[in-house]
Amino acid sequence: MLLTMVFGAVSPLAAAQTLRVGVYHNPPKLFTDDQGQLRGVLGELLTAMALKEQWQLESVPCDFQQCLTLLEQDDIDLLPDLAWSEERAQRFAFHAEPVMHSWSQLYQPSDSRVEAILDLEQQRVAVVEGSIQQSYLMTVTQRFDIDVMWLPVDSFAAGFQAVALGDADLVASNHLFGDWRANDYGLRETPIIFQPSRLFYAASPGLDAHILERIDATLVEWKNDAASTYYETLSAWRAHGPPAPLAPGWLWWLGGVLLVVLVIALAGNVLLRRRDSLNRQQLTTHEHMLSSILDSVDAYIYIKTPDLKYRYVNHQICVRQAKPGHPGNREGGKDVVKPSG
């Protein structure tokens, strides 16, 4: 009876476990729809995990800085789409397996020509306040004594909007959002790429470690299966493709081009050999024709090398040398014409 009561108390608790999830607007990685459901790459992956693990998810909308504060104060349990850093690792708990990898990039209007960090001198740069992009760029520009005017914003979308309206000259963003929306704002990427990062579901310090263990186990399981929810979600949002067991598309194109070149080379080699054979046949025919002509001429024709060795004599000379007692025949060390052809 006691055993039944214990199991009866534990099982509903596990099945009904509710996780409060901080959500800041950061498509295509994270946002909520009109019904408050998690969307975006990391939002939908977490939803699939919750269904698998029988977790209940409660969305808590917040801007980025507010989300960090709520997480540190245990007012939310998880914050998707947080890049790992040493400073953050001291404030929050992280699971071991990254959800995905990303990097940051600066974006500018189409008519701008910012090509390097040094070009940021006197530029107005929009950055999400408290973001890893802001921390990195401030450190680098201070190190090189570059005077930058920072425009703090609460989201990447707000930063892109600020540049589009002329309130900023550039915006720092993760490449997923930038590639997804830059064209909509009339912006393009700069060559300035920085801060490669690993993205996680950061947890409050008080969250049960078992939750992070289950997140790790699910991620590893999904990543080992090219047909899993993980790759379906990434593909749907065009964030990444599944690890193709075959060669990438560009390699197929390159292979096709090389195959065409090889076929052309082989065909050329065959034609060259055929032409060479025809040339040899024509040369032999011409030689025979020339020999017939020279042999029919009533004259003595011969060819000598510079050292006076005969290389060719026509038929008239051969006949002449064959006649006994001919003045041209001489024995005993005297000249005797012996045709070599």
C-alpha atoms as a PDB file:
ATOM      1  CA  MET A   1       0.000   0.000   0.000  1.00  0.00           C
ATOM      2  CA  LEU A   2       2.821   2.352   0.888  1.00  0.00           C
ATOM      3  CA  LEU A   3       4.689   1.474  -2.324  1.00  0.00           C
ATOM      4  CA  THR A   4       1.636   2.262  -4.416  1.00  0.00           C
ATOM      5  CA  MET A   5       1.204   5.632  -2.734  1.00  0.00           C
ATOM      6  CA  VAL A   6       4.815   6.594  -3.388  1.00  0.00           C
ATOM      7  CA  PHE A   7       4.630   5.730  -7.073  1.00  0.00           C
ATOM      8  CA  GLY A   8       1.245   7.399  -7.306  1.00  0.00           C
ATOM      9  CA  ALA A   9       2.745  10.597  -5.932  1.00  0.00           C
ATOM     10  CA  VAL A  10       5.927  10.605  -8.048  1.00  0.00           C
ATOM     11  CA  SER A  11       4.532   9.694 -11.478  1.00  0.00           C
ATOM     12  CA  PRO A  12       2.008  12.574 -11.842  1.00  0.00           C
ATOM     13  CA  LEU A  13       4.644  15.004 -10.615  1.00  0.00           C
ATOM     14  CA  ALA A  14       7.117  13.892 -13.272  1.00  0.00           C
ATOM     15  CA  ALA A  15       4.484  13.925 -16.000  1.00  0.00           C
ATOM     16  CA  ALA A  16       3.228  17.388 -15.045  1.00  0.00           C
ATOM     17  CA  GLN A  17       6.621  19.072 -14.631  1.00  0.00           C
ATOM     18  CA  THR A  18       6.355  22.630 -15.895  1.00  0.00           C
ATOM     19  CA  LEU A  19       9.318  24.542 -17.270  1.00  0.00           C
ATOM     20  CA  ARG A  20       9.127  28.303 -17.499  1.00  0.00           C
ATOM     21  CA  VAL A  21      10.867  29.354 -20.724  1.00  0.00           C
ATOM     22  CA  GLY A  22      12.106  32.881 -21.317  1.00  0.00           C
ATOM     23  CA  VAL A  23      11.419  34.007 -24.879  1.00  0.00           C
ATOM     24  CA  TYR A  24      12.931  37.081 -26.493  1.00  0.00           C
ATOM     25  CA  HIS A  25      12.073  37.957 -30.072  1.00  0.00           C
ATOM     26  CA  ASN A  26      14.962  36.629 -32.155  1.00  0.00           C
ATOM     27  CA  PRO A  27      13.688  34.902 -35.306  1.00  0.00           C
ATOM     28  CA  PRO A  28      14.480  32.633 -37.012  1.00  0.00           C
ATOM     29  CA  LYS A  29      15.918  31.054 -33.861  1.00  0.00           C
ATOM     30  CA  LEU A  30      13.371  32.011 -31.205  1.00  0.00           C
ATOM     31  CA  PHE A  31      10.014  33.813 -30.898  1.00  0.00           C
ATOM     32  CA  THR A  32       6.373  33.127 -30.010  1.00  0.00           C
ATOM     33  CA  ASP A  33       3.382  33.054 -32.318  1.00  0.00           C
ATOM     34  CA  ASP A  34       0.003  34.731 -31.713  1.00  0.00           C
ATOM     35  CA  GLN A  35      -1.039  31.828 -29.453  1.00  0.00           C
ATOM     36  CA  GLY A  36       2.089  32.152 -27.322  1.00  0.00           C
ATOM     37  CA  GLN A  37       3.597  28.931 -28.674  1.00  0.00           C
ATOM     38  CA  LEU A  38       7.361  28.627 -29.048  1.00  0.00           C
ATOM     39  CA  ARG A  39       8.515  29.065 -32.636  1.00  0.00           C
ATOM     40  CA  GLY A  40      11.812  29.312 -34.451  1.00  0.00           C
ATOM     41  CA  VAL A  41      14.599  26.743 -34.596  1.00  0.00           C
ATOM     42  CA  LEU A  42      15.374  26.501 -30.883  1.00  0.00           C
ATOM     43  CA  GLY A  43      11.769  27.053 -29.835  1.00  0.00           C
ATOM     44  CA  GLU A  44      10.422  24.194 -31.937  1.00  0.00           C
ATOM     45  CA  LEU A  45      13.242  21.860 -30.927  1.00  0.00           C
ATOM     46  CA  LEU A  46      12.465  22.512 -27.258  1.00  0.00           C
ATOM     47  CA  THR A  47       8.769  21.903 -27.917  1.00  0.00           C
ATOM     48  CA  ALA A  48       9.613  18.533 -29.496  1.00  0.00           C
ATOM     49  CA  MET A  49      11.794  17.657 -26.497  1.00  0.00           C
ATOM     50  CA  ALA A  50       9.010  18.580 -24.102  1.00  0.00           C
ATOM     51  CA  LEU A  51       6.588  16.302 -25.946  1.00  0.00           C
ATOM     52  CA  LYS A  52       9.118  13.472 -25.768  1.00  0.00           C
ATOM     53  CA  GLU A  53       9.908  14.014 -22.073  1.00  0.00           C
ATOM     54  CA  GLN A  54       6.340  14.941 -21.022  1.00  0.00           C
ATOM     55  CA  TRP A  55       7.296  18.439 -19.888  1.00  0.00           C
ATOM     56  CA  GLN A  56       4.844  21.317 -19.831  1.00  0.00           C
ATOM     57  CA  LEU A  57       6.300  24.557 -21.265  1.00  0.00           C
ATOM     58  CA  GLU A  58       5.186  27.970 -20.076  1.00  0.00           C
ATOM     59  CA  SER A  59       6.368  30.877 -22.261  1.00  0.00           C
ATOM     60  CA  VAL A  60       7.543  34.009 -20.475  1.00  0.00           C
ATOM     61  CA  PRO A  61       8.035  36.905 -22.949  1.00  0.00           C
ATOM     62  CA  CYS A  62      10.923  39.232 -22.105  1.00  0.00           C
ATOM     63  CA  ASP A  63      13.537  41.330 -23.854  1.00  0.00           C
ATOM     64  CA  PHE A  64      17.058  39.942 -23.869  1.00  0.00           C
ATOM     65  CA  GLN A  65      18.413  41.746 -20.815  1.00  0.00           C
ATOM     66  CA  GLN A  66      15.252  41.057 -18.834  1.00  0.00           C
ATOM     67  CA  CYS A  67      15.457  37.371 -19.766  1.00  0.00           C
ATOM     68  CA  LEU A  68      18.993  37.174 -18.398  1.00  0.00           C
ATOM     69  CA  THR A  69      17.911  38.783 -15.142  1.00  0.00           C
ATOM     70  CA  LEU A  70      14.889  36.482 -14.770  1.00  0.00           C
ATOM     71  CA  LEU A  71      17.075  33.430 -15.407  1.00  0.00           C
ATOM     72  CA  GLU A  72      19.680  34.439 -12.857  1.00  0.00           C
ATOM     73  CA  GLN A  73      16.968  35.073 -10.258  1.00  0.00           C
ATOM     74  CA  ASP A  74      15.288  31.667 -10.885  1.00  0.00           C
ATOM     75  CA  ASP A  75      12.148  33.391 -12.164  1.00  0.00           C
ATOM     76  CA  ILE A  76      12.415  31.328 -15.348  1.00  0.00           C
ATOM     77  CA  ASP A  77      13.893  27.848 -15.781  1.00  0.00           C
ATOM     78  CA  LEU A  78      15.282  27.891 -19.314  1.00  0.00           C
ATOM     79  CA  LEU A  79      16.442  30.491 -21.798  1.00  0.00           C
ATOM     80  CA  PRO A  80      16.903  29.143 -25.352  1.00  0.00           C
ATOM     81  CA  ASP A  81      19.406  30.618 -27.777  1.00  0.00           C
ATOM     82  CA  LEU A  82      22.086  31.709 -25.336  1.00  0.00           C
ATOM     83  CA  ALA A  83      25.714  31.656 -26.480  1.00  0.00           C
ATOM     84  CA  TRP A  84      28.174  30.179 -24.013  1.00  0.00           C
ATOM     85  CA  SER A  85      30.838  32.401 -22.466  1.00  0.00           C
ATOM     86  CA  GLU A  86      32.984  32.090 -19.362  1.00  0.00           C
ATOM     87  CA  GLU A  87      31.155  34.971 -17.715  1.00  0.00           C
ATOM     88  CA  ARG A  88      27.749  33.420 -18.414  1.00  0.00           C
ATOM     89  CA  ALA A  89      28.901  30.001 -17.249  1.00  0.00           C
ATOM     90  CA  GLN A  90      29.438  31.518 -13.793  1.00  0.00           C
ATOM     91  CA  ARG A  91      25.884  32.882 -13.711  1.00  0.00           C
ATOM     92  CA  PHE A  92      23.861  30.129 -15.394  1.00  0.00           C
ATOM     93  CA  ALA A  93      23.861  26.356 -15.886  1.00  0.00           C
ATOM     94  CA  PHE A  94      24.565  24.907 -19.341  1.00  0.00           C
ATOM     95  CA  HIS A  95      24.128  21.432 -20.759  1.00  0.00           C
ATOM     96  CA  ALA A  96      27.124  19.864 -22.560  1.00  0.00           C
ATOM     97  CA  GLU A  97      25.948  19.298 -26.169  1.00  0.00           C
ATOM     98  CA  PRO A  98      25.489  22.551 -28.159  1.00  0.00           C
ATOM     99  CA  VAL A  99      22.117  22.898 -29.841  1.00  0.00           C
ATOM    100  CA  MET A 100      23.821  24.483 -32.848  1.00  0.00           C
ATOM    101  CA  HIS A 101      26.742  26.687 -33.855  1.00  0.00           C
ATOM    102  CA  SER A 102      26.569  30.246 -35.052  1.00  0.00           C
ATOM    103  CA  TRP A 103      28.688  33.320 -35.666  1.00  0.00           C
ATOM    104  CA  SER A 104      28.167  37.054 -35.786  1.00  0.00           C
ATOM    105  CA  GLN A 105      28.504  39.533 -38.621  1.00  0.00           C
ATOM    106  CA  LEU A 106      28.108  43.233 -39.302  1.00  0.00           C
ATOM    107  CA  TYR A 107      25.529  44.358 -41.866  1.00  0.00           C
ATOM    108  CA  GLN A 108      25.425  47.670 -43.732  1.00  0.00           C
ATOM    109  CA  PRO A 109      23.401  49.525 -46.394  1.00  0.00           C
ATOM    110  CA  SER A 110      24.093  48.487 -49.968  1.00  0.00           C
ATOM    111  CA  ASP A 111      25.945  51.735 -50.770  1.00  0.00           C
ATOM    112  CA  SER A 112      28.290  51.566 -47.750  1.00  0.00           C
ATOM    113  CA  ARG A 113      31.862  50.318 -47.950  1.00  0.00           C
ATOM    114  CA  VAL A 114      32.859  49.087 -44.507  1.00  0.00           C
ATOM    115  CA  GLU A 115      35.377  46.301 -45.109  1.00  0.00           C
ATOM    116  CA  ALA A 116      37.339  45.923 -41.844  1.00  0.00           C
ATOM    117  CA  ILE A 117      37.225  46.681 -38.125  1.00  0.00           C
ATOM    118  CA  LEU A 118      39.319  49.834 -38.636  1.00  0.00           C
ATOM    119  CA  ASP A 119      36.572  51.184 -40.919  1.00  0.00           C
ATOM    120  CA  LEU A 120      34.286  51.458 -37.883  1.00  0.00           C
ATOM    121  CA  GLU A 121      35.936  54.727 -36.864  1.00  0.00           C
ATOM    122  CA  GLN A 122      33.176  57.298 -36.219  1.00  0.00           C
ATOM    123  CA  GLN A 123      30.500  54.827 -37.321  1.00  0.00           C
ATOM    124  CA  ARG A 124      27.177  54.355 -35.516  1.00  0.00           C
ATOM    125  CA  VAL A 125      26.747  50.666 -34.749  1.00  0.00           C
ATOM    126  CA  ALA A 126      23.499  49.169 -33.480  1.00  0.00           C
ATOM    127  CA  VAL A 127      23.981  46.256 -31.060  1.00  0.00           C
ATOM    128  CA  VAL A 128      21.602  44.305 -28.855  1.00  0.00           C
ATOM    129  CA  GLU A 129      22.265  45.565 -25.346  1.00  0.00           C
ATOM    130  CA  GLY A 130      24.023  42.966 -23.200  1.00  0.00           C
ATOM    131  CA  SER A 131      24.615  40.671 -26.164  1.00  0.00           C
ATOM    132  CA  ILE A 132      27.787  38.741 -26.848  1.00  0.00           C
ATOM    133  CA  GLN A 133      28.197  40.823 -30.036  1.00  0.00           C
ATOM    134  CA  GLN A 134      28.255  44.026 -28.006  1.00  0.00           C
ATOM    135  CA  SER A 135      30.825  42.663 -25.553  1.00  0.00           C
ATOM    136  CA  TYR A 136      33.162  41.452 -28.298  1.00  0.00           C
ATOM    137  CA  LEU A 137      32.974  44.549 -30.501  1.00  0.00           C
ATOM    138  CA  MET A 138      33.501  46.925 -27.595  1.00  0.00           C
ATOM    139  CA  THR A 139      36.570  44.991 -26.474  1.00  0.00           C
ATOM    140  CA  VAL A 140      38.110  44.914 -29.968  1.00  0.00           C
ATOM    141  CA  THR A 141      37.447  48.552 -30.816  1.00  0.00           C
ATOM    142  CA  GLN A 142      38.840  49.719 -27.467  1.00  0.00           C
ATOM    143  CA  ARG A 143      41.966  47.625 -28.006  1.00  0.00           C
ATOM    144  CA  PHE A 144      42.604  49.340 -31.357  1.00  0.00           C
ATOM    145  CA  ASP A 145      41.483  52.731 -30.075  1.00  0.00           C
ATOM    146  CA  ILE A 146      38.645  52.953 -32.612  1.00  0.00           C
ATOM    147  CA  ASP A 147      36.025  55.541 -31.770  1.00  0.00           C
ATOM    148  CA  VAL A 148      32.599  53.939 -32.311  1.00  0.00           C
ATOM    149  CA  MET A 149      29.185  55.375 -31.449  1.00  0.00           C
ATOM    150  CA  TRP A 150      27.103  52.526 -30.047  1.00  0.00           C
ATOM    151  CA  LEU A 151      23.339  52.394 -30.404  1.00  0.00           C
ATOM    152  CA  PRO A 152      21.879  49.858 -27.921  1.00  0.00           C
ATOM    153  CA  VAL A 153      18.717  48.115 -29.146  1.00  0.00           C
ATOM    154  CA  ASP A 154      16.553  45.379 -27.662  1.00  0.00           C
ATOM    155  CA  SER A 155      16.543  43.017 -30.675  1.00  0.00           C
ATOM    156  CA  PHE A 156      18.274  42.319 -33.980  1.00  0.00           C
ATOM    157  CA  ALA A 157      15.125  43.425 -35.790  1.00  0.00           C
ATOM    158  CA  ALA A 158      15.288  46.793 -34.023  1.00  0.00           C
ATOM    159  CA  GLY A 159      18.940  47.129 -35.012  1.00  0.00           C
ATOM    160  CA  PHE A 160      18.224  46.402 -38.683  1.00  0.00           C
ATOM    161  CA  GLN A 161      15.328  48.852 -38.569  1.00  0.00           C
ATOM    162  CA  ALA A 162      17.606  51.539 -37.107  1.00  0.00           C
ATOM    163  CA  VAL A 163      20.043  51.165 -40.013  1.00  0.00           C
ATOM    164  CA  ALA A 164      17.215  51.146 -42.560  1.00  0.00           C
ATOM    165  CA  LEU A 165      15.871  54.420 -41.072  1.00  0.00           C
ATOM    166  CA  GLY A 166      19.322  56.035 -41.026  1.00  0.00           C
ATOM    167  CA  ASP A 167      19.628  56.101 -37.228  1.00  0.00           C
ATOM    168  CA  ALA A 168      22.673  53.781 -37.382  1.00  0.00           C
ATOM    169  CA  ASP A 169      25.325  52.979 -39.983  1.00  0.00           C
ATOM    170  CA  LEU A 170      25.749  49.278 -39.229  1.00  0.00           C
ATOM    171  CA  VAL A 171      24.146  46.562 -37.141  1.00  0.00           C
ATOM    172  CA  ALA A 172      25.692  43.541 -35.435  1.00  0.00           C
ATOM    173  CA  SER A 173      23.699  40.330 -35.685  1.00  0.00           C
ATOM    174  CA  ASN A 174      24.026  36.586 -35.692  1.00  0.00           C
ATOM    175  CA  HIS A 175      24.344  35.349 -39.265  1.00  0.00           C
ATOM    176  CA  LEU A 176      21.098  33.355 -39.150  1.00  0.00           C
ATOM    177  CA  PHE A 177      18.949  36.413 -38.597  1.00  0.00           C
ATOM    178  CA  GLY A 178      21.099  38.500 -40.928  1.00  0.00           C
ATOM    179  CA  ASP A 179      20.903  36.043 -43.811  1.00  0.00           C
ATOM    180  CA  TRP A 180      17.175  35.668 -43.191  1.00  0.00           C
ATOM    181  CA  ARG A 181      16.184  39.348 -43.077  1.00  0.00           C
ATOM    182  CA  ALA A 182      19.004  41.597 -44.325  1.00  0.00           C
ATOM    183  CA  ASN A 183      17.578  41.853 -47.828  1.00  0.00           C
ATOM    184  CA  ASP A 184      14.171  42.902 -46.445  1.00  0.00           C
ATOM    185  CA  TYR A 185      15.812  45.950 -44.851  1.00  0.00           C
ATOM    186  CA  GLY A 186      17.936  46.765 -47.894  1.00  0.00           C
ATOM    187  CA  LEU A 187      21.132  45.737 -46.125  1.00  0.00           C
ATOM    188  CA  ARG A 188      24.013  43.468 -47.062  1.00  0.00           C
ATOM    189  CA  GLU A 189      26.686  41.693 -45.079  1.00  0.00           C
ATOM    190  CA  THR A 190      30.162  43.125 -44.499  1.00  0.00           C
ATOM    191  CA  PRO A 191      33.327  40.996 -44.564  1.00  0.00           C
ATOM    192  CA  ILE A 192      33.560  41.505 -40.788  1.00  0.00           C
ATOM    193  CA  ILE A 193      32.749  38.102 -39.286  1.00  0.00           C
ATOM    194  CA  PHE A 194      33.453  37.487 -35.620  1.00  0.00           C
ATOM    195  CA  GLN A 195      32.599  35.610 -32.448  1.00  0.00           C
ATOM    196  CA  PRO A 196      31.881  32.015 -33.478  1.00  0.00           C
ATOM    197  CA  SER A 197      29.613  30.698 -30.761  1.00  0.00           C
ATOM    198  CA  ARG A 198      27.845  27.624 -29.447  1.00  0.00           C
ATOM    199  CA  LEU A 199      24.166  28.037 -28.647  1.00  0.00           C
ATOM    200  CA  PHE A 200      22.488  26.331 -25.671  1.00  0.00           C
ATOM    201  CA  TYR A 201      19.373  26.203 -23.544  1.00  0.00           C
ATOM    202  CA  ALA A 202      20.760  28.064 -20.530  1.00  0.00           C
ATOM    203  CA  ALA A 203      19.217  27.070 -17.196  1.00  0.00           C
ATOM    204  CA  SER A 204      18.677  28.851 -13.918  1.00  0.00           C
ATOM    205  CA  PRO A 205      21.136  27.865 -11.160  1.00  0.00           C
ATOM    206  CA  GLY A 206      18.355  26.103  -9.260  1.00  0.00           C
ATOM    207  CA  LEU A 207      17.028  23.902 -12.084  1.00  0.00           C
ATOM    208  CA  ASP A 208      17.183  20.144 -11.596  1.00  0.00           C
ATOM    209  CA  ALA A 209      20.340  18.864 -13.336  1.00  0.00           C
ATOM    210  CA  HIS A 210      18.326  15.933 -14.683  1.00  0.00           C
ATOM    211  CA  ILE A 211      16.558  18.314 -17.112  1.00  0.00           C
ATOM    212  CA  LEU A 212      19.883  19.329 -18.680  1.00  0.00           C
ATOM    213  CA  GLU A 213      20.948  15.677 -18.850  1.00  0.00           C
ATOM    214  CA  ARG A 214      17.787  14.809 -20.783  1.00  0.00           C
ATOM    215  CA  ILE A 215      18.368  17.747 -23.159  1.00  0.00           C
ATOM    216  CA  ASP A 216      21.883  16.455 -23.844  1.00  0.00           C
ATOM    217  CA  ALA A 217      20.711  12.882 -24.388  1.00  0.00           C
ATOM    218  CA  THR A 218      17.986  13.978 -26.811  1.00  0.00           C
ATOM    219  CA  LEU A 219      20.309  16.232 -28.794  1.00  0.00           C
ATOM    220  CA  VAL A 220      22.894  13.469 -29.174  1.00  0.00           C
ATOM    221  CA  GLU A 221      20.200  11.006 -30.237  1.00  0.00           C
ATOM    222  CA  TRP A 222      18.739  13.401 -32.802  1.00  0.00           C
ATOM    223  CA  LYS A 223      22.091  14.451 -34.242  1.00  0.00           C
ATOM    224  CA  ASN A 224      22.967  10.808 -34.908  1.00  0.00           C
ATOM    225  CA  ASP A 225      19.827  10.377 -37.015  1.00  0.00           C
ATOM    226  CA  ALA A 226      19.720  12.326 -40.286  1.00  0.00           C
ATOM    227  CA  ALA A 227      15.937  11.814 -40.474  1.00  0.00           C
ATOM    228  CA  SER A 228      15.256  13.129 -36.958  1.00  0.00           C
ATOM    229  CA  THR A 229      13.180  16.092 -35.804  1.00  0.00           C
ATOM    230  CA  TYR A 230      16.413  18.000 -35.301  1.00  0.00           C
ATOM    231  CA  TYR A 231      17.376  18.060 -38.980  1.00  0.00           C
ATOM    232  CA  GLU A 232      13.797  18.480 -40.140  1.00  0.00           C
ATOM    233  CA  THR A 233      13.516  21.621 -38.023  1.00  0.00           C
ATOM    234  CA  LEU A 234      16.846  23.043 -39.139  1.00  0.00           C
ATOM    235  CA  SER A 235      15.960  22.398 -42.760  1.00  0.00           C
ATOM    236  CA  ALA A 236      12.521  23.982 -42.379  1.00  0.00           C
ATOM    237  CA  TRP A 237      14.096  27.197 -41.078  1.00  0.00           C
ATOM    238  CA  ARG A 238      17.040  26.926 -43.453  1.00  0.00           C
ATOM    239  CA  ALA A 239      19.460  27.258 -40.603  1.00  0.00           C
ATOM    240  CA  HIS A 240      21.413  24.166 -41.531  1.00  0.00           C
ATOM    241  CA  GLY A 241      21.020  21.095 -43.628  1.00  0.00           C
ATOM    242  CA  PRO A 242      21.295  17.512 -42.369  1.00  0.00           C
ATOM    243  CA  PRO A 243      24.755  16.032 -42.726  1.00  0.00           C
ATOM    244  CA  ALA A 244      24.472  14.648 -46.219  1.00  0.00           C
ATOM    245  CA  PRO A 245      26.091  11.259 -46.665  1.00  0.00           C
ATOM    246  CA  LEU A 246      26.656  12.162 -50.315  1.00  0.00           C
ATOM    247  CA  ALA A 247      28.801  14.917 -51.739  1.00  0.00           C
ATOM    248  CA  PRO A 248      27.502  18.529 -51.577  1.00  0.00           C
ATOM    249  CA  GLY A 249      25.849  20.023 -54.628  1.00  0.00           C
ATOM    250  CA  TRP A 250      28.830  22.094 -55.720  1.00  0.00           C
ATOM    251  CA  LEU A 251      30.962  18.955 -55.748  1.00  0.00           C
ATOM    252  CA  TRP A 252      28.477  17.246 -58.071  1.00  0.00           C
ATOM    253  CA  TRP A 253      28.694  20.224 -60.426  1.00  0.00           C
ATOM    254  CA  LEU A 254      32.481  20.128 -60.281  1.00  0.00           C
ATOM    255  CA  GLY A 255      32.456  16.380 -60.939  1.00  0.00           C
ATOM    256  CA  GLY A 256      30.128  16.909 -63.901  1.00  0.00           C
ATOM    257  CA  VAL A 257      32.401  19.586 -65.366  1.00  0.00           C
ATOM    258  CA  LEU A 258      35.468  17.369 -64.896  1.00  0.00           C
ATOM    259  CA  LEU A 259      33.637  14.469 -66.537  1.00  0.00           C
ATOM    260  CA  VAL A 260      32.767  16.625 -69.558  1.00  0.00           C
ATOM    261  CA  VAL A 261      36.384  17.805 -69.777  1.00  0.00           C
ATOM    262  CA  LEU A 262      37.579  14.191 -69.562  1.00  0.00           C
ATOM    263  CA  VAL A 263      35.191  13.085 -72.328  1.00  0.00           C
ATOM    264  CA  ILE A 264      36.348  15.972 -74.529  1.00  0.00           C
ATOM    265  CA  ALA A 265      40.002  15.104 -73.840  1.00  0.00           C
ATOM    266  CA  LEU A 266      39.439  11.435 -74.673  1.00  0.00           C
ATOM    267  CA  ALA A 267      37.539  12.332 -77.836  1.00  0.00           C
ATOM    268  CA  GLY A 268      40.328  14.721 -78.795  1.00  0.00           C
ATOM    269  CA  ASN A 269      42.921  12.039 -78.172  1.00  0.00           C
ATOM    270  CA  VAL A 270      41.017   9.564 -80.373  1.00  0.00           C
ATOM    271  CA  LEU A 271      40.691  12.159 -83.155  1.00  0.00           C
ATOM    272  CA  LEU A 272      44.371  13.020 -82.837  1.00  0.00           C
ATOM    273  CA  ARG A 273      45.380   9.365 -83.112  1.00  0.00           C
ATOM    274  CA  ARG A 274      43.086   8.901 -86.101  1.00  0.00           C
ATOM    275  CA  ARG A 275      44.463  12.000 -87.791  1.00  0.00           C
ATOM    276  CA  ASP A 276      48.024  10.828 -87.112  1.00  0.00           C
ATOM    277  CA  SER A 277      47.221   7.442 -88.659  1.00  0.00           C
ATOM    278  CA  LEU A 278      45.700   9.121 -91.712  1.00  0.00           C
ATOM    279  CA  ASN A 279      48.727  11.401 -92.033  1.00  0.00           C
ATOM    280  CA  ARG A 280      51.053   8.400 -91.892  1.00  0.00           C
ATOM    281  CA  GLN A 281      49.027   6.608 -94.566  1.00  0.00           C
ATOM    282  CA  GLN A 282      49.054   9.698 -96.778  1.00  0.00           C
ATOM    283  CA  LEU A 283      52.798  10.113 -96.277  1.00  0.00           C
ATOM    284  CA  THR A 284      53.449   6.489 -97.248  1.00  0.00           C
ATOM    285  CA  THR A 285      51.235   6.882-100.313  1.00  0.00           C
ATOM    286  CA  HIS A 286      53.046  10.068-101.319  1.00  0.00           C
ATOM    287  CA  GLU A 287      56.398   8.370-100.849  1.00  0.00           C
ATOM    288  CA  HIS A 288      55.344   5.519-103.107  1.00  0.00           C
ATOM    289  CA  MET A 289      54.043   7.948-105.716  1.00  0.00           C
ATOM    290  CA  LEU A 290      57.248   9.970-105.622  1.00  0.00           C
ATOM    291  CA  SER A 291      59.364   6.828-105.862  1.00  0.00           C
ATOM    292  CA  SER A 292      57.336   5.645-108.879  1.00  0.00           C
ATOM    293  CA  ILE A 293      57.788   9.008-110.577  1.00  0.00           C
ATOM    294  CA  LEU A 294      61.528   9.122-109.917  1.00  0.00           C
ATOM    295  CA  ASP A 295      61.979   5.533-111.060  1.00  0.00           C
ATOM    296  CA  SER A 296      60.222   6.268-114.357  1.00  0.00           C
ATOM    297  CA  VAL A 297      62.421   9.250-115.167  1.00  0.00           C
ATOM    298  CA  ASP A 298      65.155   8.564-117.734  1.00  0.00           C
ATOM    299  CA  ALA A 299      67.837  10.092-115.576  1.00  0.00           C
ATOM    300  CA  TYR A 300      70.172   9.119-112.784  1.00  0.00           C
ATOM    301  CA  ILE A 301      68.860  10.514-109.514  1.00  0.00           C
ATOM    302  CA  TYR A 302      70.426  10.031-106.122  1.00  0.00           C
ATOM    303  CA  ILE A 303      70.639  11.684-102.710  1.00  0.00           C
ATOM    304  CA  LYS A 304      73.806  11.824-100.580  1.00  0.00           C
ATOM    305  CA  THR A 305      74.386  12.881 -96.988  1.00  0.00           C
ATOM    306  CA  PRO A 306      77.038  15.507 -96.127  1.00  0.00           C
ATOM    307  CA  ASP A 307      79.505  12.670 -95.464  1.00  0.00           C
ATOM    308  CA  LEU A 308      78.839  11.353 -99.035  1.00  0.00           C
ATOM    309  CA  LYS A 309      76.799   8.350 -98.044  1.00  0.00           C
ATOM    310  CA  TYR A 310      73.975   7.436-100.385  1.00  0.00           C
ATOM    311  CA  ARG A 311      70.512   7.856 -98.927  1.00  0.00           C
ATOM    312  CA  TYR A 312      68.496   7.321-102.120  1.00  0.00           C
ATOM    313  CA  VAL A 313      69.048   6.199-105.711  1.00  0.00           C
ATOM    314  CA  ASN A 314      66.424   5.743-108.362  1.00  0.00           C
ATOM    315  CA  HIS A 315      65.826   2.714-110.541  1.00  0.00           C
ATOM    316  CA  GLN A 316      68.049   3.948-113.383  1.00  0.00           C
ATOM    317  CA  ILE A 317      71.131   3.918-111.170  1.00  0.00           C
ATOM    318  CA  CYS A 318      70.295   0.470-109.821  1.00  0.00           C
ATOM    319  CA  VAL A 319      70.005  -0.893-113.372  1.00  0.00           C
ATOM    320  CA  ARG A 320      73.201   0.833-114.417  1.00  0.00           C
ATOM    321  CA  GLN A 321      75.174  -0.570-111.495  1.00  0.00           C
ATOM    322  CA  ALA A 322      73.848  -4.035-112.187  1.00  0.00           C
ATOM    323  CA  LYS A 323      75.362  -4.170-115.734  1.00  0.00           C
ATOM    324  CA  PRO A 324      78.671  -6.128-115.717  1.00  0.00           C
ATOM    325  CA  GLY A 325      81.743  -4.239-116.779  1.00  0.00           C
ATOM    326  CA  HIS A 326      80.013  -0.920-116.433  1.00  0.00           C
ATOM    327  CA  PRO A 327      82.569   1.862-115.995  1.00  0.00           C
ATOM    328  CA  GLY A 328      80.866   2.923-112.851  1.00  0.00           C
ATOM    329  CA  ASN A 329      81.577  -0.392-111.103  1.00  0.00           C
ATOM    330  CA  ARG A 330      84.956  -0.556-109.468  1.00  0.00           C
ATOM    331  CA  GLU A 331      86.389  -3.262-107.209  1.00  0.00           C
ATOM    332  CA  GLY A 332      89.387  -3.508-104.997  1.00  0.00           C
ATOM    333  CA  GLY A 333      88.661  -0.610-102.745  1.00  0.00           C
ATOM    334  CA  LYS A 334      87.283   1.507-105.538  1.00  0.00           C
ATOM    335  CA  ASP A 335      83.869   3.164-105.463  1.00  0.00           C
ATOM    336  CA  VAL A 336      80.974   0.796-105.960  1.00  0.00           C
ATOM    337  CA  VAL A 337      77.512   2.273-105.873  1.00  0.00           C
ATOM    338  CA  LYS A 338      75.302   0.193-103.633  1.00  0.00           C
ATOM    339  CA  PRO A 339      71.826   1.608-103.305  1.00  0.00           C
ATOM    340  CA  SER A 340      70.693   1.881 -99.722  1.00  0.00           C
ATOM    341  CA  GLY A 341      67.029   2.343-100.456  1.00  0.00           C
END
